[in-house]
Every structure is written in C-alpha cells, then in structure tokens.
Amino acid sequence: MPSANELYDQAVDLRDAGDKETAVTKLKEAVEAEPDHTLSHGLLARLCVDLGLFDDAILHARRVVELEPEDPFSYTALSVICQRCGRIPEAEDALAKARMMQMGLD
C-alpha cells in the first residue's frame, strides 16, 4: 500500500490535471493510512471548498489546527476556508488567533 506521502503526491498530480474528485479520494486514503498527515488535511480542505463540500472543508482545516496549534499559518488557512464557506464569524476568530500568535500575544 502506498504511504501517505505517496498518496498525497498522487493527489497533487490529479489536482493539477483537473481531477479534483479523484484527488480528494486519494487524500482520504492518505489520512486513513496516516490520520496526522497534515499536508493531506490541508489540501483536502482546499479541494473540498472547490467542490462545495463546506462541512468537510472546515473539518479538515480544523484538523490542521489541531495538528499544528503553534503555527499561525494553520489559523490563517482555517480563516480562509471558513470565509470561502460563508462562515464569517469563524473566519474572523481564526484570523484574530493567527494575528495574536504572530504578535506573540497568545
């Protein structure tokens, strides 16, 4: 069975070829094989937004934050995903968290 990194790489190739649905399938295999594979969760969040799977997108973006709670970019990415999903208050909260972290206030 391919590793999570190999599945991720396959998903990137599929996405680049325009096959987002199959890319999502590969990424789901990757996180099934390795539940803490941050890159796969991050790309899943972005692709799910593109496919209109907003609840899934937010779920995966939140997982990235869980896996990398000290990384302000994780919160920034969550903010962007929430914004694209129409969840503005959640987007604002995540962006505020990212900014506080960047300023060393958190």
PDB file of N, CA and C in Angstrom:
ATOM      1  N   MET A   1       0.850  -1.187   0.000  1.00  0.00           N
ATOM      2  CA  MET A   1       0.000   0.000   0.000  1.00  0.00           C
ATOM      3  C   MET A   1       0.890   1.243   0.000  1.00  0.00           C
ATOM      4  N   PRO A   2       0.544   2.237  -0.786  1.00  0.00           N
ATOM      5  CA  PRO A   2       1.335   3.469  -0.839  1.00  0.00           C
ATOM      6  C   PRO A   2       1.306   4.210   0.506  1.00  0.00           C
ATOM      7  N   SER A   3       2.362   4.942   0.786  1.00  0.00           N
ATOM      8  CA  SER A   3       2.426   5.743   2.008  1.00  0.00           C
ATOM      9  C   SER A   3       1.538   6.990   1.853  1.00  0.00           C
ATOM     10  N   ALA A   4       1.300   7.657   2.967  1.00  0.00           N
ATOM     11  CA  ALA A   4       0.514   8.890   2.927  1.00  0.00           C
ATOM     12  C   ALA A   4       1.186   9.928   2.035  1.00  0.00           C
ATOM     13  N   ASN A   5       2.511  10.000   2.090  1.00  0.00           N
ATOM     14  CA  ASN A   5       3.224  10.959   1.232  1.00  0.00           C
ATOM     15  C   ASN A   5       3.056  10.626  -0.248  1.00  0.00           C
ATOM     16  N   GLU A   6       3.103   9.349  -0.577  1.00  0.00           N
ATOM     17  CA  GLU A   6       2.921   8.938  -1.970  1.00  0.00           C
ATOM     18  C   GLU A   6       1.500   9.238  -2.438  1.00  0.00           C
ATOM     19  N   LEU A   7       0.522   8.973  -1.592  1.00  0.00           N
ATOM     20  CA  LEU A   7      -0.869   9.270  -1.940  1.00  0.00           C
ATOM     21  C   LEU A   7      -1.079  10.774  -2.096  1.00  0.00           C
ATOM     22  N   TYR A   8      -0.452  11.537  -1.233  1.00  0.00           N
ATOM     23  CA  TYR A   8      -0.528  12.995  -1.332  1.00  0.00           C
ATOM     24  C   TYR A   8       0.038  13.462  -2.681  1.00  0.00           C
ATOM     25  N   ASP A   9       1.204  12.939  -3.028  1.00  0.00           N
ATOM     26  CA  ASP A   9       1.814  13.315  -4.306  1.00  0.00           C
ATOM     27  C   ASP A   9       0.920  12.946  -5.487  1.00  0.00           C
ATOM     28  N   GLN A  10       0.286  11.779  -5.423  1.00  0.00           N
ATOM     29  CA  GLN A  10      -0.644  11.377  -6.476  1.00  0.00           C
ATOM     30  C   GLN A  10      -1.826  12.345  -6.549  1.00  0.00           C
ATOM     31  N   ALA A  11      -2.303  12.750  -5.376  1.00  0.00           N
ATOM     32  CA  ALA A  11      -3.440  13.684  -5.321  1.00  0.00           C
ATOM     33  C   ALA A  11      -3.066  15.028  -5.939  1.00  0.00           C
ATOM     34  N   VAL A  12      -1.858  15.491  -5.659  1.00  0.00           N
ATOM     35  CA  VAL A  12      -1.405  16.760  -6.255  1.00  0.00           C
ATOM     36  C   VAL A  12      -1.382  16.651  -7.773  1.00  0.00           C
ATOM     37  N   ASP A  13      -0.868  15.543  -8.272  1.00  0.00           N
ATOM     38  CA  ASP A  13      -0.852  15.343  -9.730  1.00  0.00           C
ATOM     39  C   ASP A  13      -2.261  15.324 -10.305  1.00  0.00           C
ATOM     40  N   LEU A  14      -3.177  14.647  -9.618  1.00  0.00           N
ATOM     41  CA  LEU A  14      -4.567  14.590 -10.073  1.00  0.00           C
ATOM     42  C   LEU A  14      -5.205  15.977 -10.052  1.00  0.00           C
ATOM     43  N   ARG A  15      -4.956  16.719  -8.983  1.00  0.00           N
ATOM     44  CA  ARG A  15      -5.490  18.085  -8.897  1.00  0.00           C
ATOM     45  C   ARG A  15      -4.957  18.937 -10.038  1.00  0.00           C
ATOM     46  N   ASP A  16      -3.658  18.823 -10.276  1.00  0.00           N
ATOM     47  CA  ASP A  16      -3.042  19.611 -11.340  1.00  0.00           C
ATOM     48  C   ASP A  16      -3.588  19.242 -12.721  1.00  0.00           C
ATOM     49  N   ALA A  17      -4.030  17.999 -12.853  1.00  0.00           N
ATOM     50  CA  ALA A  17      -4.619  17.539 -14.114  1.00  0.00           C
ATOM     51  C   ALA A  17      -6.105  17.890 -14.206  1.00  0.00           C
ATOM     52  N   GLY A  18      -6.656  18.498 -13.150  1.00  0.00           N
ATOM     53  CA  GLY A  18      -8.051  18.914 -13.170  1.00  0.00           C
ATOM     54  C   GLY A  18      -9.031  17.917 -12.597  1.00  0.00           C
ATOM     55  N   ASP A  19      -8.542  16.833 -12.032  1.00  0.00           N
ATOM     56  CA  ASP A  19      -9.419  15.789 -11.481  1.00  0.00           C
ATOM     57  C   ASP A  19      -9.475  15.907  -9.955  1.00  0.00           C
ATOM     58  N   LYS A  20     -10.194  16.910  -9.493  1.00  0.00           N
ATOM     59  CA  LYS A  20     -10.264  17.186  -8.059  1.00  0.00           C
ATOM     60  C   LYS A  20     -10.983  16.086  -7.285  1.00  0.00           C
ATOM     61  N   GLU A  21     -12.004  15.500  -7.877  1.00  0.00           N
ATOM     62  CA  GLU A  21     -12.758  14.459  -7.180  1.00  0.00           C
ATOM     63  C   GLU A  21     -11.869  13.252  -6.854  1.00  0.00           C
ATOM     64  N   THR A  22     -11.083  12.804  -7.823  1.00  0.00           N
ATOM     65  CA  THR A  22     -10.197  11.669  -7.579  1.00  0.00           C
ATOM     66  C   THR A  22      -9.066  12.073  -6.637  1.00  0.00           C
ATOM     67  N   ALA A  23      -8.638  13.316  -6.718  1.00  0.00           N
ATOM     68  CA  ALA A  23      -7.620  13.810  -5.787  1.00  0.00           C
ATOM     69  C   ALA A  23      -8.137  13.724  -4.353  1.00  0.00           C
ATOM     70  N   VAL A  24      -9.391  14.096  -4.145  1.00  0.00           N
ATOM     71  CA  VAL A  24      -9.991  14.003  -2.815  1.00  0.00           C
ATOM     72  C   VAL A  24      -9.999  12.551  -2.340  1.00  0.00           C
ATOM     73  N   THR A  25     -10.331  11.637  -3.222  1.00  0.00           N
ATOM     74  CA  THR A  25     -10.329  10.211  -2.868  1.00  0.00           C
ATOM     75  C   THR A  25      -8.938   9.774  -2.418  1.00  0.00           C
ATOM     76  N   LYS A  26      -7.913  10.183  -3.140  1.00  0.00           N
ATOM     77  CA  LYS A  26      -6.531   9.828  -2.773  1.00  0.00           C
ATOM     78  C   LYS A  26      -6.157  10.421  -1.421  1.00  0.00           C
ATOM     79  N   LEU A  27      -6.555  11.661  -1.200  1.00  0.00           N
ATOM     80  CA  LEU A  27      -6.231  12.314   0.070  1.00  0.00           C
ATOM     81  C   LEU A  27      -6.947  11.654   1.236  1.00  0.00           C
ATOM     82  N   LYS A  28      -8.171  11.213   1.003  1.00  0.00           N
ATOM     83  CA  LYS A  28      -8.892  10.491   2.062  1.00  0.00           C
ATOM     84  C   LYS A  28      -8.187   9.177   2.379  1.00  0.00           C
ATOM     85  N   GLU A  29      -7.646   8.521   1.367  1.00  0.00           N
ATOM     86  CA  GLU A  29      -6.852   7.316   1.600  1.00  0.00           C
ATOM     87  C   GLU A  29      -5.613   7.661   2.425  1.00  0.00           C
ATOM     88  N   ALA A  30      -4.998   8.791   2.121  1.00  0.00           N
ATOM     89  CA  ALA A  30      -3.794   9.207   2.836  1.00  0.00           C
ATOM     90  C   ALA A  30      -4.079   9.436   4.317  1.00  0.00           C
ATOM     91  N   VAL A  31      -5.176  10.138   4.625  1.00  0.00           N
ATOM     92  CA  VAL A  31      -5.469  10.407   6.042  1.00  0.00           C
ATOM     93  C   VAL A  31      -6.022   9.167   6.742  1.00  0.00           C
ATOM     94  N   GLU A  32      -6.545   8.228   5.984  1.00  0.00           N
ATOM     95  CA  GLU A  32      -6.945   6.961   6.576  1.00  0.00           C
ATOM     96  C   GLU A  32      -5.693   6.169   6.969  1.00  0.00           C
ATOM     97  N   ALA A  33      -4.691   6.205   6.100  1.00  0.00           N
ATOM     98  CA  ALA A  33      -3.443   5.495   6.371  1.00  0.00           C
ATOM     99  C   ALA A  33      -2.639   6.184   7.474  1.00  0.00           C
ATOM    100  N   GLU A  34      -2.685   7.510   7.487  1.00  0.00           N
ATOM    101  CA  GLU A  34      -1.930   8.296   8.464  1.00  0.00           C
ATOM    102  C   GLU A  34      -2.797   9.487   8.892  1.00  0.00           C
ATOM    103  N   PRO A  35      -3.597   9.307   9.953  1.00  0.00           N
ATOM    104  CA  PRO A  35      -4.555  10.341  10.367  1.00  0.00           C
ATOM    105  C   PRO A  35      -3.933  11.705  10.683  1.00  0.00           C
ATOM    106  N   ASP A  36      -2.636  11.737  10.979  1.00  0.00           N
ATOM    107  CA  ASP A  36      -1.986  13.003  11.317  1.00  0.00           C
ATOM    108  C   ASP A  36      -1.214  13.611  10.149  1.00  0.00           C
ATOM    109  N   HIS A  37      -1.523  13.196   8.927  1.00  0.00           N
ATOM    110  CA  HIS A  37      -0.814  13.722   7.755  1.00  0.00           C
ATOM    111  C   HIS A  37      -1.359  15.113   7.431  1.00  0.00           C
ATOM    112  N   THR A  38      -0.672  16.103   7.967  1.00  0.00           N
ATOM    113  CA  THR A  38      -1.128  17.488   7.897  1.00  0.00           C
ATOM    114  C   THR A  38      -1.305  17.990   6.470  1.00  0.00           C
ATOM    115  N   LEU A  39      -0.349  17.684   5.613  1.00  0.00           N
ATOM    116  CA  LEU A  39      -0.446  18.160   4.227  1.00  0.00           C
ATOM    117  C   LEU A  39      -1.720  17.666   3.548  1.00  0.00           C
ATOM    118  N   SER A  40      -2.071  16.423   3.798  1.00  0.00           N
ATOM    119  CA  SER A  40      -3.287  15.869   3.181  1.00  0.00           C
ATOM    120  C   SER A  40      -4.533  16.562   3.710  1.00  0.00           C
ATOM    121  N   HIS A  41      -4.569  16.815   5.018  1.00  0.00           N
ATOM    122  CA  HIS A  41      -5.730  17.526   5.569  1.00  0.00           C
ATOM    123  C   HIS A  41      -5.832  18.931   4.978  1.00  0.00           C
ATOM    124  N   GLY A  42      -4.700  19.595   4.839  1.00  0.00           N
ATOM    125  CA  GLY A  42      -4.711  20.945   4.282  1.00  0.00           C
ATOM    126  C   GLY A  42      -5.205  20.986   2.848  1.00  0.00           C
ATOM    127  N   LEU A  43      -4.714  20.072   2.037  1.00  0.00           N
ATOM    128  CA  LEU A  43      -5.162  20.037   0.642  1.00  0.00           C
ATOM    129  C   LEU A  43      -6.611  19.566   0.536  1.00  0.00           C
ATOM    130  N   LEU A  44      -6.998  18.649   1.400  1.00  0.00           N
ATOM    131  CA  LEU A  44      -8.410  18.224   1.423  1.00  0.00           C
ATOM    132  C   LEU A  44      -9.312  19.418   1.709  1.00  0.00           C
ATOM    133  N   ALA A  45      -8.910  20.258   2.648  1.00  0.00           N
ATOM    134  CA  ALA A  45      -9.724  21.435   2.978  1.00  0.00           C
ATOM    135  C   ALA A  45      -9.908  22.311   1.742  1.00  0.00           C
ATOM    136  N   ARG A  46      -8.819  22.574   1.041  1.00  0.00           N
ATOM    137  CA  ARG A  46      -8.898  23.439  -0.144  1.00  0.00           C
ATOM    138  C   ARG A  46      -9.742  22.821  -1.249  1.00  0.00           C
ATOM    139  N   LEU A  47      -9.542  21.537  -1.509  1.00  0.00           N
ATOM    140  CA  LEU A  47     -10.302  20.891  -2.584  1.00  0.00           C
ATOM    141  C   LEU A  47     -11.770  20.739  -2.230  1.00  0.00           C
ATOM    142  N   CYS A  48     -12.056  20.473  -0.976  1.00  0.00           N
ATOM    143  CA  CYS A  48     -13.464  20.352  -0.564  1.00  0.00           C
ATOM    144  C   CYS A  48     -14.207  21.668  -0.751  1.00  0.00           C
ATOM    145  N   VAL A  49     -13.540  22.784  -0.498  1.00  0.00           N
ATOM    146  CA  VAL A  49     -14.162  24.088  -0.765  1.00  0.00           C
ATOM    147  C   VAL A  49     -14.490  24.192  -2.248  1.00  0.00           C
ATOM    148  N   ASP A  50     -13.513  23.848  -3.084  1.00  0.00           N
ATOM    149  CA  ASP A  50     -13.724  23.936  -4.537  1.00  0.00           C
ATOM    150  C   ASP A  50     -14.896  23.078  -5.001  1.00  0.00           C
ATOM    151  N   LEU A  51     -15.112  21.955  -4.314  1.00  0.00           N
ATOM    152  CA  LEU A  51     -16.189  21.035  -4.699  1.00  0.00           C
ATOM    153  C   LEU A  51     -17.503  21.311  -3.972  1.00  0.00           C
ATOM    154  N   GLY A  52     -17.528  22.361  -3.159  1.00  0.00           N
ATOM    155  CA  GLY A  52     -18.752  22.713  -2.441  1.00  0.00           C
ATOM    156  C   GLY A  52     -19.026  21.847  -1.226  1.00  0.00           C
ATOM    157  N   LEU A  53     -18.033  21.130  -0.760  1.00  0.00           N
ATOM    158  CA  LEU A  53     -18.170  20.264   0.421  1.00  0.00           C
ATOM    159  C   LEU A  53     -17.696  21.041   1.648  1.00  0.00           C
ATOM    160  N   PHE A  54     -18.484  22.045   2.025  1.00  0.00           N
ATOM    161  CA  PHE A  54     -18.038  23.014   3.008  1.00  0.00           C
ATOM    162  C   PHE A  54     -17.823  22.426   4.404  1.00  0.00           C
ATOM    163  N   ASP A  55     -18.696  21.556   4.852  1.00  0.00           N
ATOM    164  CA  ASP A  55     -18.505  20.958   6.182  1.00  0.00           C
ATOM    165  C   ASP A  55     -17.217  20.135   6.225  1.00  0.00           C
ATOM    166  N   ASP A  56     -16.964  19.382   5.171  1.00  0.00           N
ATOM    167  CA  ASP A  56     -15.732  18.599   5.101  1.00  0.00           C
ATOM    168  C   ASP A  56     -14.514  19.518   5.056  1.00  0.00           C
ATOM    169  N   ALA A  57     -14.621  20.604   4.312  1.00  0.00           N
ATOM    170  CA  ALA A  57     -13.504  21.547   4.205  1.00  0.00           C
ATOM    171  C   ALA A  57     -13.128  22.094   5.578  1.00  0.00           C
ATOM    172  N   ILE A  58     -14.120  22.503   6.329  1.00  0.00           N
ATOM    173  CA  ILE A  58     -13.855  23.065   7.656  1.00  0.00           C
ATOM    174  C   ILE A  58     -13.333  21.990   8.599  1.00  0.00           C
ATOM    175  N   LEU A  59     -13.866  20.796   8.501  1.00  0.00           N
ATOM    176  CA  LEU A  59     -13.385  19.683   9.326  1.00  0.00           C
ATOM    177  C   LEU A  59     -11.885  19.466   9.114  1.00  0.00           C
ATOM    178  N   HIS A  60     -11.450  19.434   7.872  1.00  0.00           N
ATOM    179  CA  HIS A  60     -10.041  19.190   7.583  1.00  0.00           C
ATOM    180  C   HIS A  60      -9.167  20.396   7.954  1.00  0.00           C
ATOM    181  N   ALA A  61      -9.670  21.597   7.756  1.00  0.00           N
ATOM    182  CA  ALA A  61      -8.907  22.787   8.156  1.00  0.00           C
ATOM    183  C   ALA A  61      -8.742  22.829   9.677  1.00  0.00           C
ATOM    184  N   ARG A  62      -9.779  22.451  10.395  1.00  0.00           N
ATOM    185  CA  ARG A  62      -9.675  22.393  11.866  1.00  0.00           C
ATOM    186  C   ARG A  62      -8.696  21.315  12.304  1.00  0.00           C
ATOM    187  N   ARG A  63      -8.641  20.229  11.566  1.00  0.00           N
ATOM    188  CA  ARG A  63      -7.693  19.159  11.899  1.00  0.00           C
ATOM    189  C   ARG A  63      -6.256  19.656  11.760  1.00  0.00           C
ATOM    190  N   VAL A  64      -6.001  20.481  10.747  1.00  0.00           N
ATOM    191  CA  VAL A  64      -4.666  21.054  10.587  1.00  0.00           C
ATOM    192  C   VAL A  64      -4.310  21.889  11.815  1.00  0.00           C
ATOM    193  N   VAL A  65      -5.252  22.678  12.299  1.00  0.00           N
ATOM    194  CA  VAL A  65      -5.021  23.486  13.501  1.00  0.00           C
ATOM    195  C   VAL A  65      -4.748  22.586  14.706  1.00  0.00           C
ATOM    196  N   GLU A  66      -5.479  21.489  14.822  1.00  0.00           N
ATOM    197  CA  GLU A  66      -5.238  20.552  15.916  1.00  0.00           C
ATOM    198  C   GLU A  66      -3.829  19.963  15.835  1.00  0.00           C
ATOM    199  N   LEU A  67      -3.394  19.665  14.626  1.00  0.00           N
ATOM    200  CA  LEU A  67      -2.090  19.040  14.436  1.00  0.00           C
ATOM    201  C   LEU A  67      -0.939  20.031  14.578  1.00  0.00           C
ATOM    202  N   GLU A  68      -1.186  21.295  14.268  1.00  0.00           N
ATOM    203  CA  GLU A  68      -0.150  22.323  14.323  1.00  0.00           C
ATOM    204  C   GLU A  68      -0.670  23.563  15.063  1.00  0.00           C
ATOM    205  N   PRO A  69      -0.984  23.406  16.347  1.00  0.00           N
ATOM    206  CA  PRO A  69      -1.609  24.505  17.099  1.00  0.00           C
ATOM    207  C   PRO A  69      -0.695  25.713  17.331  1.00  0.00           C
ATOM    208  N   GLU A  70       0.592  25.556  17.152  1.00  0.00           N
ATOM    209  CA  GLU A  70       1.520  26.666  17.357  1.00  0.00           C
ATOM    210  C   GLU A  70       1.865  27.404  16.068  1.00  0.00           C
ATOM    211  N   ASP A  71       1.267  26.988  14.957  1.00  0.00           N
ATOM    212  CA  ASP A  71       1.579  27.574  13.659  1.00  0.00           C
ATOM    213  C   ASP A  71       0.503  28.590  13.274  1.00  0.00           C
ATOM    214  N   PRO A  72       0.834  29.873  13.250  1.00  0.00           N
ATOM    215  CA  PRO A  72      -0.172  30.874  12.896  1.00  0.00           C
ATOM    216  C   PRO A  72      -0.763  30.659  11.499  1.00  0.00           C
ATOM    217  N   PHE A  73       0.033  30.088  10.585  1.00  0.00           N
ATOM    218  CA  PHE A  73      -0.475  29.857   9.236  1.00  0.00           C
ATOM    219  C   PHE A  73      -1.654  28.883   9.258  1.00  0.00           C
ATOM    220  N   SER A  74      -1.653  27.932  10.178  1.00  0.00           N
ATOM    221  CA  SER A  74      -2.774  26.987  10.278  1.00  0.00           C
ATOM    222  C   SER A  74      -4.075  27.735  10.548  1.00  0.00           C
ATOM    223  N   TYR A  75      -4.003  28.731  11.418  1.00  0.00           N
ATOM    224  CA  TYR A  75      -5.193  29.521  11.730  1.00  0.00           C
ATOM    225  C   TYR A  75      -5.572  30.435  10.571  1.00  0.00           C
ATOM    226  N   THR A  76      -4.563  30.957   9.870  1.00  0.00           N
ATOM    227  CA  THR A  76      -4.843  31.781   8.696  1.00  0.00           C
ATOM    228  C   THR A  76      -5.545  30.949   7.627  1.00  0.00           C
ATOM    229  N   ALA A  77      -5.050  29.738   7.402  1.00  0.00           N
ATOM    230  CA  ALA A  77      -5.674  28.854   6.416  1.00  0.00           C
ATOM    231  C   ALA A  77      -7.103  28.505   6.836  1.00  0.00           C
ATOM    232  N   LEU A  78      -7.309  28.242   8.121  1.00  0.00           N
ATOM    233  CA  LEU A  78      -8.664  27.973   8.624  1.00  0.00           C
ATOM    234  C   LEU A  78      -9.561  29.179   8.363  1.00  0.00           C
ATOM    235  N   SER A  79      -9.027  30.369   8.590  1.00  0.00           N
ATOM    236  CA  SER A  79      -9.808  31.579   8.345  1.00  0.00           C
ATOM    237  C   SER A  79     -10.242  31.676   6.886  1.00  0.00           C
ATOM    238  N   VAL A  80      -9.323  31.421   5.970  1.00  0.00           N
ATOM    239  CA  VAL A  80      -9.641  31.486   4.539  1.00  0.00           C
ATOM    240  C   VAL A  80     -10.704  30.446   4.178  1.00  0.00           C
ATOM    241  N   ILE A  81     -10.535  29.235   4.687  1.00  0.00           N
ATOM    242  CA  ILE A  81     -11.516  28.176   4.406  1.00  0.00           C
ATOM    243  C   ILE A  81     -12.884  28.572   4.944  1.00  0.00           C
ATOM    244  N   CYS A  82     -12.932  29.052   6.179  1.00  0.00           N
ATOM    245  CA  CYS A  82     -14.220  29.458   6.759  1.00  0.00           C
ATOM    246  C   CYS A  82     -14.857  30.588   5.950  1.00  0.00           C
ATOM    247  N   GLN A  83     -14.030  31.535   5.538  1.00  0.00           N
ATOM    248  CA  GLN A  83     -14.557  32.644   4.736  1.00  0.00           C
ATOM    249  C   GLN A  83     -15.165  32.131   3.440  1.00  0.00           C
ATOM    250  N   ARG A  84     -14.452  31.249   2.753  1.00  0.00           N
ATOM    251  CA  ARG A  84     -14.949  30.709   1.485  1.00  0.00           C
ATOM    252  C   ARG A  84     -16.202  29.860   1.672  1.00  0.00           C
ATOM    253  N   CYS A  85     -16.376  29.352   2.881  1.00  0.00           N
ATOM    254  CA  CYS A  85     -17.562  28.542   3.177  1.00  0.00           C
ATOM    255  C   CYS A  85     -18.712  29.390   3.713  1.00  0.00           C
ATOM    256  N   GLY A  86     -18.501  30.700   3.796  1.00  0.00           N
ATOM    257  CA  GLY A  86     -19.552  31.594   4.252  1.00  0.00           C
ATOM    258  C   GLY A  86     -19.702  31.668   5.756  1.00  0.00           C
ATOM    259  N   ARG A  87     -18.717  31.209   6.479  1.00  0.00           N
ATOM    260  CA  ARG A  87     -18.766  31.235   7.942  1.00  0.00           C
ATOM    261  C   ARG A  87     -17.853  32.360   8.443  1.00  0.00           C
ATOM    262  N   ILE A  88     -18.343  33.563   8.289  1.00  0.00           N
ATOM    263  CA  ILE A  88     -17.541  34.752   8.536  1.00  0.00           C
ATOM    264  C   ILE A  88     -17.130  34.908  10.000  1.00  0.00           C
ATOM    265  N   PRO A  89     -18.028  34.726  10.971  1.00  0.00           N
ATOM    266  CA  PRO A  89     -17.571  34.857  12.362  1.00  0.00           C
ATOM    267  C   PRO A  89     -16.442  33.870  12.713  1.00  0.00           C
ATOM    268  N   GLU A  90     -16.527  32.644  12.218  1.00  0.00           N
ATOM    269  CA  GLU A  90     -15.470  31.667  12.460  1.00  0.00           C
ATOM    270  C   GLU A  90     -14.186  32.093  11.759  1.00  0.00           C
ATOM    271  N   ALA A  91     -14.317  32.655  10.572  1.00  0.00           N
ATOM    272  CA  ALA A  91     -13.151  33.136   9.829  1.00  0.00           C
ATOM    273  C   ALA A  91     -12.466  34.261  10.591  1.00  0.00           C
ATOM    274  N   GLU A  92     -13.259  35.177  11.127  1.00  0.00           N
ATOM    275  CA  GLU A  92     -12.695  36.297  11.877  1.00  0.00           C
ATOM    276  C   GLU A  92     -12.004  35.824  13.148  1.00  0.00           C
ATOM    277  N   ASP A  93     -12.596  34.842  13.823  1.00  0.00           N
ATOM    278  CA  ASP A  93     -11.981  34.302  15.041  1.00  0.00           C
ATOM    279  C   ASP A  93     -10.635  33.647  14.734  1.00  0.00           C
ATOM    280  N   ALA A  94     -10.585  32.858  13.682  1.00  0.00           N
ATOM    281  CA  ALA A  94      -9.339  32.174  13.316  1.00  0.00           C
ATOM    282  C   ALA A  94      -8.268  33.184  12.901  1.00  0.00           C
ATOM    283  N   LEU A  95      -8.659  34.226  12.177  1.00  0.00           N
ATOM    284  CA  LEU A  95      -7.697  35.240  11.757  1.00  0.00           C
ATOM    285  C   LEU A  95      -7.173  36.017  12.964  1.00  0.00           C
ATOM    286  N   ALA A  96      -8.045  36.318  13.895  1.00  0.00           N
ATOM    287  CA  ALA A  96      -7.615  37.006  15.114  1.00  0.00           C
ATOM    288  C   ALA A  96      -6.615  36.153  15.891  1.00  0.00           C
ATOM    289  N   LYS A  97      -6.871  34.865  15.971  1.00  0.00           N
ATOM    290  CA  LYS A  97      -5.954  33.945  16.647  1.00  0.00           C
ATOM    291  C   LYS A  97      -4.591  33.958  15.940  1.00  0.00           C
ATOM    292  N   ALA A  98      -4.582  33.895  14.618  1.00  0.00           N
ATOM    293  CA  ALA A  98      -3.328  33.926  13.862  1.00  0.00           C
ATOM    294  C   ALA A  98      -2.564  35.222  14.134  1.00  0.00           C
ATOM    295  N   ARG A  99      -3.252  36.317  14.131  1.00  0.00           N
ATOM    296  CA  ARG A  99      -2.598  37.614  14.360  1.00  0.00           C
ATOM    297  C   ARG A  99      -2.028  37.708  15.764  1.00  0.00           C
ATOM    298  N   MET A 100      -2.782  37.235  16.734  1.00  0.00           N
ATOM    299  CA  MET A 100      -2.287  37.257  18.116  1.00  0.00           C
ATOM    300  C   MET A 100      -1.028  36.403  18.241  1.00  0.00           C
ATOM    301  N   MET A 101      -1.032  35.263  17.605  1.00  0.00           N
ATOM    302  CA  MET A 101       0.141  34.388  17.652  1.00  0.00           C
ATOM    303  C   MET A 101       1.340  35.065  17.002  1.00  0.00           C
ATOM    304  N   GLN A 102       1.116  35.721  15.893  1.00  0.00           N
ATOM    305  CA  GLN A 102       2.207  36.384  15.184  1.00  0.00           C
ATOM    306  C   GLN A 102       2.796  37.523  15.999  1.00  0.00           C
ATOM    307  N   MET A 103       1.970  38.143  16.814  1.00  0.00           N
ATOM    308  CA  MET A 103       2.434  39.241  17.658  1.00  0.00           C
ATOM    309  C   MET A 103       2.985  38.739  18.990  1.00  0.00           C
ATOM    310  N   GLY A 104       2.912  37.437  19.211  1.00  0.00           N
ATOM    311  CA  GLY A 104       3.413  36.877  20.453  1.00  0.00           C
ATOM    312  C   GLY A 104       2.502  37.094  21.641  1.00  0.00           C
ATOM    313  N   LEU A 105       1.238  37.328  21.380  1.00  0.00           N
ATOM    314  CA  LEU A 105       0.273  37.589  22.444  1.00  0.00           C
ATOM    315  C   LEU A 105      -0.497  36.365  22.882  1.00  0.00           C
ATOM    316  N   ASP A 106      -0.245  35.262  22.252  1.00  0.00           N
ATOM    317  CA  ASP A 106      -1.019  34.059  22.607  1.00  0.00           C
ATOM    318  C   ASP A 106      -0.123  33.014  23.208  1.00  0.00           C
TER     319      ASP A 106
END
